[in-house]
PDB file of N, CA and C in Angstrom:
ATOM      1  N   MET A   1      73.707  12.804  16.190  1.00  0.00           N
ATOM      2  CA  MET A   1      74.903  12.610  14.731  1.00  0.00           C
ATOM      3  C   MET A   1      76.274  12.423  15.800  1.00  0.00           C
ATOM      4  N   ILE A   2      76.651  11.205  14.723  1.00  0.00           N
ATOM      5  CA  ILE A   2      78.031  10.956  14.834  1.00  0.00           C
ATOM      6  C   ILE A   2      79.028  11.300  13.441  1.00  0.00           C
ATOM      7  N   GLN A   3      79.923  11.550  13.479  1.00  0.00           N
ATOM      8  CA  GLN A   3      81.125  11.614  12.372  1.00  0.00           C
ATOM      9  C   GLN A   3      81.957  10.604  12.381  1.00  0.00           C
ATOM     10  N   VAL A   4      81.922   9.807  11.621  1.00  0.00           N
ATOM     11  CA  VAL A   4      83.039   8.750  11.611  1.00  0.00           C
ATOM     12  C   VAL A   4      83.884   9.176  10.691  1.00  0.00           C
ATOM     13  N   GLN A   5      84.991   8.981  10.792  1.00  0.00           N
ATOM     14  CA  GLN A   5      86.477   9.097   9.853  1.00  0.00           C
ATOM     15  C   GLN A   5      86.944   7.726   9.468  1.00  0.00           C
ATOM     16  N   TYR A   6      87.455   7.365   8.078  1.00  0.00           N
ATOM     17  CA  TYR A   6      88.058   6.347   8.184  1.00  0.00           C
ATOM     18  C   TYR A   6      89.616   6.452   7.560  1.00  0.00           C
ATOM     19  N   PHE A   7      90.613   5.912   7.722  1.00  0.00           N
ATOM     20  CA  PHE A   7      91.905   6.498   7.762  1.00  0.00           C
ATOM     21  C   PHE A   7      92.894   5.616   6.582  1.00  0.00           C
ATOM     22  N   ALA A   8      93.784   5.549   6.059  1.00  0.00           N
ATOM     23  CA  ALA A   8      95.022   4.813   5.330  1.00  0.00           C
ATOM     24  C   ALA A   8      93.743   3.768   4.617  1.00  0.00           C
ATOM     25  N   ARG A   9      94.236   2.731   4.547  1.00  0.00           N
ATOM     26  CA  ARG A   9      93.691   1.317   3.901  1.00  0.00           C
ATOM     27  C   ARG A   9      92.270   1.409   3.870  1.00  0.00           C
ATOM     28  N   TYR A  10      92.049   1.750   5.525  1.00  0.00           N
ATOM     29  CA  TYR A  10      90.122   1.797   5.548  1.00  0.00           C
ATOM     30  C   TYR A  10      89.681   2.329   4.207  1.00  0.00           C
ATOM     31  N   ARG A  11      89.965   3.477   4.084  1.00  0.00           N
ATOM     32  CA  ARG A  11      89.936   4.403   3.354  1.00  0.00           C
ATOM     33  C   ARG A  11      89.608   4.227   2.001  1.00  0.00           C
ATOM     34  N   GLU A  12      90.563   3.729   1.406  1.00  0.00           N
ATOM     35  CA  GLU A  12      90.905   2.765   0.135  1.00  0.00           C
ATOM     36  C   GLU A  12      90.007   2.059  -0.305  1.00  0.00           C
ATOM     37  N   ILE A  13      90.054   0.686   0.761  1.00  0.00           N
ATOM     38  CA  ILE A  13      89.298   0.044   0.770  1.00  0.00           C
ATOM     39  C   ILE A  13      87.205   0.476   0.825  1.00  0.00           C
ATOM     40  N   LEU A  14      87.200   1.214   1.757  1.00  0.00           N
ATOM     41  CA  LEU A  14      85.884   1.552   1.367  1.00  0.00           C
ATOM     42  C   LEU A  14      84.955   2.661   0.790  1.00  0.00           C
ATOM     43  N   GLY A  15      86.064   3.427   0.082  1.00  0.00           N
ATOM     44  CA  GLY A  15      86.271   4.480  -0.927  1.00  0.00           C
ATOM     45  C   GLY A  15      85.604   5.508  -0.400  1.00  0.00           C
ATOM     46  N   LEU A  16      85.691   6.200   0.977  1.00  0.00           N
ATOM     47  CA  LEU A  16      84.869   7.203   1.338  1.00  0.00           C
ATOM     48  C   LEU A  16      86.530   7.507   2.437  1.00  0.00           C
ATOM     49  N   ASP A  17      86.274   8.262   3.158  1.00  0.00           N
ATOM     50  CA  ASP A  17      87.058   8.957   4.216  1.00  0.00           C
ATOM     51  C   ASP A  17      86.070   9.461   5.222  1.00  0.00           C
ATOM     52  N   SER A  18      84.801   9.416   4.988  1.00  0.00           N
ATOM     53  CA  SER A  18      84.253  10.011   6.168  1.00  0.00           C
ATOM     54  C   SER A  18      82.747   9.986   5.911  1.00  0.00           C
ATOM     55  N   GLU A  19      82.195   9.622   7.102  1.00  0.00           N
ATOM     56  CA  GLU A  19      80.388   9.761   6.731  1.00  0.00           C
ATOM     57  C   GLU A  19      79.914  10.033   8.036  1.00  0.00           C
ATOM     58  N   GLN A  20      78.271  11.026   7.844  1.00  0.00           N
ATOM     59  CA  GLN A  20      77.482  11.090   9.499  1.00  0.00           C
ATOM     60  C   GLN A  20      76.441  10.359   9.351  1.00  0.00           C
ATOM     61  N   LEU A  21      76.300   9.630  10.901  1.00  0.00           N
ATOM     62  CA  LEU A  21      75.421   8.618  10.896  1.00  0.00           C
ATOM     63  C   LEU A  21      74.305   9.410  11.904  1.00  0.00           C
ATOM     64  N   GLU A  22      72.999   8.651  12.266  1.00  0.00           N
ATOM     65  CA  GLU A  22      71.874   9.373  12.941  1.00  0.00           C
ATOM     66  C   GLU A  22      72.626   8.934  14.636  1.00  0.00           C
ATOM     67  N   TRP A  23      72.351   9.411  15.375  1.00  0.00           N
ATOM     68  CA  TRP A  23      72.366   8.868  16.438  1.00  0.00           C
ATOM     69  C   TRP A  23      71.843   8.175  17.035  1.00  0.00           C
ATOM     70  N   ASP A  24      72.114   6.970  17.538  1.00  0.00           N
ATOM     71  CA  ASP A  24      70.940   5.379  17.713  1.00  0.00           C
ATOM     72  C   ASP A  24      71.651   4.889  19.132  1.00  0.00           C
ATOM     73  N   ALA A  25      71.077   5.295  20.444  1.00  0.00           N
ATOM     74  CA  ALA A  25      71.102   4.925  21.478  1.00  0.00           C
ATOM     75  C   ALA A  25      71.538   3.673  21.373  1.00  0.00           C
ATOM     76  N   SER A  26      71.158   2.633  21.070  1.00  0.00           N
ATOM     77  CA  SER A  26      71.576   1.200  21.016  1.00  0.00           C
ATOM     78  C   SER A  26      73.071   1.030  20.835  1.00  0.00           C
ATOM     79  N   LEU A  27      73.701   1.907  20.576  1.00  0.00           N
ATOM     80  CA  LEU A  27      75.108   1.966  19.876  1.00  0.00           C
ATOM     81  C   LEU A  27      76.000   2.121  21.538  1.00  0.00           C
ATOM     82  N   ARG A  28      76.019   1.586  22.215  1.00  0.00           N
ATOM     83  CA  ARG A  28      76.988   1.831  23.948  1.00  0.00           C
ATOM     84  C   ARG A  28      78.368   2.307  23.707  1.00  0.00           C
ATOM     85  N   ASN A  29      78.892   1.208  23.083  1.00  0.00           N
ATOM     86  CA  ASN A  29      80.567   1.576  22.603  1.00  0.00           C
ATOM     87  C   ASN A  29      81.117   1.531  21.255  1.00  0.00           C
ATOM     88  N   LEU A  30      82.454   1.873  20.832  1.00  0.00           N
ATOM     89  CA  LEU A  30      82.801   1.739  19.658  1.00  0.00           C
ATOM     90  C   LEU A  30      82.427   0.472  18.633  1.00  0.00           C
ATOM     91  N   ASP A  31      82.734  -0.825  19.840  1.00  0.00           N
ATOM     92  CA  ASP A  31      82.876  -2.041  19.378  1.00  0.00           C
ATOM     93  C   ASP A  31      81.407  -2.079  18.694  1.00  0.00           C
ATOM     94  N   ASP A  32      80.285  -1.670  19.431  1.00  0.00           N
ATOM     95  CA  ASP A  32      78.654  -2.050  18.845  1.00  0.00           C
ATOM     96  C   ASP A  32      79.161  -0.532  17.104  1.00  0.00           C
ATOM     97  N   LEU A  33      79.608   0.517  17.114  1.00  0.00           N
ATOM     98  CA  LEU A  33      79.555   1.275  15.789  1.00  0.00           C
ATOM     99  C   LEU A  33      79.977   0.045  15.005  1.00  0.00           C
ATOM    100  N   ARG A  34      81.215  -0.247  15.589  1.00  0.00           N
ATOM    101  CA  ARG A  34      82.059  -0.827  14.340  1.00  0.00           C
ATOM    102  C   ARG A  34      81.213  -2.219  13.536  1.00  0.00           C
ATOM    103  N   ALA A  35      80.828  -3.171  14.368  1.00  0.00           N
ATOM    104  CA  ALA A  35      79.921  -4.112  14.688  1.00  0.00           C
ATOM    105  C   ALA A  35      78.659  -3.780  13.499  1.00  0.00           C
ATOM    106  N   ARG A  36      78.162  -2.785  13.700  1.00  0.00           N
ATOM    107  CA  ARG A  36      76.925  -2.098  12.950  1.00  0.00           C
ATOM    108  C   ARG A  36      77.662  -2.196  11.227  1.00  0.00           C
ATOM    109  N   LEU A  37      78.545  -1.434  11.191  1.00  0.00           N
ATOM    110  CA  LEU A  37      79.115  -0.721  10.254  1.00  0.00           C
ATOM    111  C   LEU A  37      79.694  -2.105   9.649  1.00  0.00           C
ATOM    112  N   ALA A  38      80.521  -3.188  10.105  1.00  0.00           N
ATOM    113  CA  ALA A  38      80.963  -4.302   9.614  1.00  0.00           C
ATOM    114  C   ALA A  38      79.841  -4.945   9.134  1.00  0.00           C
ATOM    115  N   ALA A  39      78.466  -4.875   9.686  1.00  0.00           N
ATOM    116  CA  ALA A  39      77.514  -5.671   9.227  1.00  0.00           C
ATOM    117  C   ALA A  39      77.251  -5.319   7.665  1.00  0.00           C
ATOM    118  N   ARG A  40      77.319  -4.189   7.492  1.00  0.00           N
ATOM    119  CA  ARG A  40      77.165  -3.536   5.903  1.00  0.00           C
ATOM    120  C   ARG A  40      77.472  -4.996   4.959  1.00  0.00           C
ATOM    121  N   GLY A  41      78.225  -5.689   5.739  1.00  0.00           N
ATOM    122  CA  GLY A  41      79.234  -6.659   4.342  1.00  0.00           C
ATOM    123  C   GLY A  41      80.230  -5.677   3.419  1.00  0.00           C
ATOM    124  N   ALA A  42      80.415  -6.801   2.601  1.00  0.00           N
ATOM    125  CA  ALA A  42      81.641  -7.035   1.507  1.00  0.00           C
ATOM    126  C   ALA A  42      82.637  -6.170   2.295  1.00  0.00           C
ATOM    127  N   ALA A  43      82.910  -5.117   1.083  1.00  0.00           N
ATOM    128  CA  ALA A  43      84.155  -4.484   2.226  1.00  0.00           C
ATOM    129  C   ALA A  43      84.360  -3.580   3.204  1.00  0.00           C
ATOM    130  N   TRP A  44      83.006  -3.698   3.406  1.00  0.00           N
ATOM    131  CA  TRP A  44      82.803  -3.292   5.124  1.00  0.00           C
ATOM    132  C   TRP A  44      83.258  -4.286   6.505  1.00  0.00           C
ATOM    133  N   ASP A  45      83.610  -5.449   5.312  1.00  0.00           N
ATOM    134  CA  ASP A  45      84.448  -6.409   6.514  1.00  0.00           C
ATOM    135  C   ASP A  45      85.429  -6.489   7.150  1.00  0.00           C
ATOM    136  N   VAL A  46      86.030  -5.239   6.426  1.00  0.00           N
ATOM    137  CA  VAL A  46      87.244  -4.788   6.627  1.00  0.00           C
ATOM    138  C   VAL A  46      87.218  -4.438   8.124  1.00  0.00           C
ATOM    139  N   LEU A  47      86.339  -3.978   8.681  1.00  0.00           N
ATOM    140  CA  LEU A  47      86.163  -3.242  10.242  1.00  0.00           C
ATOM    141  C   LEU A  47      86.082  -4.500  10.867  1.00  0.00           C
ATOM    142  N   ALA A  48      86.356  -5.513  10.628  1.00  0.00           N
ATOM    143  CA  ALA A  48      85.951  -6.594  11.411  1.00  0.00           C
ATOM    144  C   ALA A  48      87.402  -7.064  12.008  1.00  0.00           C
ATOM    145  N   GLU A  49      88.194  -6.572  11.565  1.00  0.00           N
ATOM    146  CA  GLU A  49      89.694  -6.891  11.643  1.00  0.00           C
ATOM    147  C   GLU A  49      90.332  -6.647  13.511  1.00  0.00           C
ATOM    148  N   GLN A  50      91.049  -7.764  13.871  1.00  0.00           N
ATOM    149  CA  GLN A  50      91.062  -8.074  15.481  1.00  0.00           C
ATOM    150  C   GLN A  50      92.470  -6.534  15.495  1.00  0.00           C
ATOM    151  N   ASN A  51      93.067  -6.686  14.937  1.00  0.00           N
ATOM    152  CA  ASN A  51      94.010  -5.018  15.334  1.00  0.00           C
ATOM    153  C   ASN A  51      93.918  -3.946  14.935  1.00  0.00           C
ATOM    154  N   LEU A  52      92.460  -3.449  14.587  1.00  0.00           N
ATOM    155  CA  LEU A  52      91.793  -1.892  14.740  1.00  0.00           C
ATOM    156  C   LEU A  52      92.359  -1.169  15.543  1.00  0.00           C
ATOM    157  N   MET A  53      92.657  -0.201  15.255  1.00  0.00           N
ATOM    158  CA  MET A  53      92.499   1.146  16.178  1.00  0.00           C
ATOM    159  C   MET A  53      91.462   2.249  15.652  1.00  0.00           C
ATOM    160  N   CYS A  54      91.346   2.836  16.957  1.00  0.00           N
ATOM    161  CA  CYS A  54      89.940   3.877  16.573  1.00  0.00           C
ATOM    162  C   CYS A  54      90.624   4.909  17.842  1.00  0.00           C
ATOM    163  N   ALA A  55      90.013   6.150  17.599  1.00  0.00           N
ATOM    164  CA  ALA A  55      89.611   6.941  18.177  1.00  0.00           C
ATOM    165  C   ALA A  55      88.755   7.610  18.833  1.00  0.00           C
ATOM    166  N   ARG A  56      88.192   8.495  19.319  1.00  0.00           N
ATOM    167  CA  ARG A  56      86.935   9.379  19.848  1.00  0.00           C
ATOM    168  C   ARG A  56      87.483  10.433  20.235  1.00  0.00           C
ATOM    169  N   ASN A  57      86.904  11.289  19.702  1.00  0.00           N
ATOM    170  CA  ASN A  57      87.199  12.875  19.752  1.00  0.00           C
ATOM    171  C   ASN A  57      88.254  13.532  19.799  1.00  0.00           C
ATOM    172  N   GLN A  58      89.540  12.619  18.637  1.00  0.00           N
ATOM    173  CA  GLN A  58      90.624  12.600  18.487  1.00  0.00           C
ATOM    174  C   GLN A  58      91.526  12.163  19.784  1.00  0.00           C
ATOM    175  N   GLU A  59      91.123  11.214  20.637  1.00  0.00           N
ATOM    176  CA  GLU A  59      91.791  10.905  21.286  1.00  0.00           C
ATOM    177  C   GLU A  59      91.848   9.479  21.013  1.00  0.00           C
ATOM    178  N   LEU A  60      93.002   8.512  21.106  1.00  0.00           N
ATOM    179  CA  LEU A  60      93.282   7.285  21.074  1.00  0.00           C
ATOM    180  C   LEU A  60      92.242   6.712  21.985  1.00  0.00           C
ATOM    181  N   CYS A  61      91.187   5.426  21.859  1.00  0.00           N
ATOM    182  CA  CYS A  61      90.773   4.964  22.906  1.00  0.00           C
ATOM    183  C   CYS A  61      90.572   2.898  22.834  1.00  0.00           C
ATOM    184  N   SER A  62      90.306   2.775  23.371  1.00  0.00           N
ATOM    185  CA  SER A  62      89.581   1.457  23.350  1.00  0.00           C
ATOM    186  C   SER A  62      88.432   1.110  22.579  1.00  0.00           C
ATOM    187  N   LEU A  63      88.356  -0.178  22.206  1.00  0.00           N
ATOM    188  CA  LEU A  63      86.529  -0.402  21.577  1.00  0.00           C
ATOM    189  C   LEU A  63      85.513  -0.440  22.338  1.00  0.00           C
ATOM    190  N   THR A  64      85.798  -0.206  23.644  1.00  0.00           N
ATOM    191  CA  THR A  64      85.440  -0.286  24.696  1.00  0.00           C
ATOM    192  C   THR A  64      84.655   1.089  25.455  1.00  0.00           C
ATOM    193  N   GLU A  65      84.812   1.771  24.737  1.00  0.00           N
ATOM    194  CA  GLU A  65      85.113   3.335  25.015  1.00  0.00           C
ATOM    195  C   GLU A  65      83.261   4.067  24.974  1.00  0.00           C
ATOM    196  N   ALA A  66      82.857   4.593  25.768  1.00  0.00           N
ATOM    197  CA  ALA A  66      81.113   4.652  25.217  1.00  0.00           C
ATOM    198  C   ALA A  66      81.178   6.038  24.078  1.00  0.00           C
ATOM    199  N   LEU A  67      80.179   5.466  23.705  1.00  0.00           N
ATOM    200  CA  LEU A  67      80.090   6.788  22.706  1.00  0.00           C
ATOM    201  C   LEU A  67      78.618   7.226  22.634  1.00  0.00           C
ATOM    202  N   SER A  68      78.292   8.467  22.706  1.00  0.00           N
ATOM    203  CA  SER A  68      77.464   9.490  22.589  1.00  0.00           C
ATOM    204  C   SER A  68      77.344  10.379  21.064  1.00  0.00           C
ATOM    205  N   ASP A  69      76.071  10.811  21.658  1.00  0.00           N
ATOM    206  CA  ASP A  69      75.753  11.761  20.312  1.00  0.00           C
ATOM    207  C   ASP A  69      76.323  12.771  20.272  1.00  0.00           C
ATOM    208  N   GLY A  70      77.388  13.033  18.972  1.00  0.00           N
ATOM    209  CA  GLY A  70      77.745  14.249  19.026  1.00  0.00           C
ATOM    210  C   GLY A  70      79.211  13.926  18.609  1.00  0.00           C
ATOM    211  N   ASP A  71      79.408  12.892  19.082  1.00  0.00           N
ATOM    212  CA  ASP A  71      81.142  12.063  18.972  1.00  0.00           C
ATOM    213  C   ASP A  71      81.850  12.105  17.300  1.00  0.00           C
ATOM    214  N   GLU A  72      82.895  12.170  17.496  1.00  0.00           N
ATOM    215  CA  GLU A  72      83.972  12.271  16.329  1.00  0.00           C
ATOM    216  C   GLU A  72      84.699  10.905  16.010  1.00  0.00           C
ATOM    217  N   VAL A  73      84.259   9.881  15.466  1.00  0.00           N
ATOM    218  CA  VAL A  73      85.004   8.578  15.489  1.00  0.00           C
ATOM    219  C   VAL A  73      86.255   8.387  14.571  1.00  0.00           C
ATOM    220  N   ALA A  74      86.814   7.812  15.047  1.00  0.00           N
ATOM    221  CA  ALA A  74      87.895   7.460  13.498  1.00  0.00           C
ATOM    222  C   ALA A  74      88.307   6.107  13.880  1.00  0.00           C
ATOM    223  N   PHE A  75      88.455   5.456  12.488  1.00  0.00           N
ATOM    224  CA  PHE A  75      88.847   4.101  12.464  1.00  0.00           C
ATOM    225  C   PHE A  75      90.127   4.300  11.689  1.00  0.00           C
ATOM    226  N   PHE A  76      91.186   3.472  12.019  1.00  0.00           N
ATOM    227  CA  PHE A  76      92.417   2.912  11.223  1.00  0.00           C
ATOM    228  C   PHE A  76      93.388   1.667  11.739  1.00  0.00           C
ATOM    229  N   PRO A  77      93.858   1.296  10.534  1.00  0.00           N
ATOM    230  CA  PRO A  77      94.517   0.236  10.758  1.00  0.00           C
ATOM    231  C   PRO A  77      96.253   0.258  11.519  1.00  0.00           C
ATOM    232  N   THR A  78      96.394  -0.420  12.143  1.00  0.00           N
ATOM    233  CA  THR A  78      97.355  -0.179  12.977  1.00  0.00           C
ATOM    234  C   THR A  78      98.667  -0.041  12.333  1.00  0.00           C
ATOM    235  N   VAL A  79      99.602   0.889  12.489  1.00  0.00           N
ATOM    236  CA  VAL A  79     100.983   1.165  12.262  1.00  0.00           C
ATOM    237  C   VAL A  79     102.210   0.185  12.649  1.00  0.00           C
ATOM    238  N   THR A  80     102.508  -0.055  11.812  1.00  0.00           N
ATOM    239  CA  THR A  80     104.159  -1.209  11.467  1.00  0.00           C
ATOM    240  C   THR A  80     105.025  -0.447  11.111  1.00  0.00           C
ATOM    241  N   GLY A  81     106.189  -0.297  11.474  1.00  0.00           N
ATOM    242  CA  GLY A  81     107.506   0.045  10.963  1.00  0.00           C
ATOM    243  C   GLY A  81     108.669  -0.764  10.707  1.00  0.00           C
ATOM    244  N   GLY A  82     109.881  -0.414  10.252  1.00  0.00           N
ATOM    245  CA  GLY A  82     110.380  -1.438  10.065  1.00  0.00           C
ATOM    246  C   GLY A  82     111.845  -0.468  10.126  1.00  0.00           C
TER     247      GLY A  82
END
């Protein structure tokens, strides 16, 4: 099982803050997971953004980070300030 959390604008656009997905060994890394979610279409296209940030088990990481059964993954937009 993978716990996926969505934050900030992603949570608002998708209309949910988290979901649990069955483990699928074909998901090698976070980018595979992101692509699978974005393939849902419509609002999910927001996850195809180039500047998306992510975390695995509460640590910031890149989309190339390996994914394992039991992981917690978070997706959130980049933070800008002024």
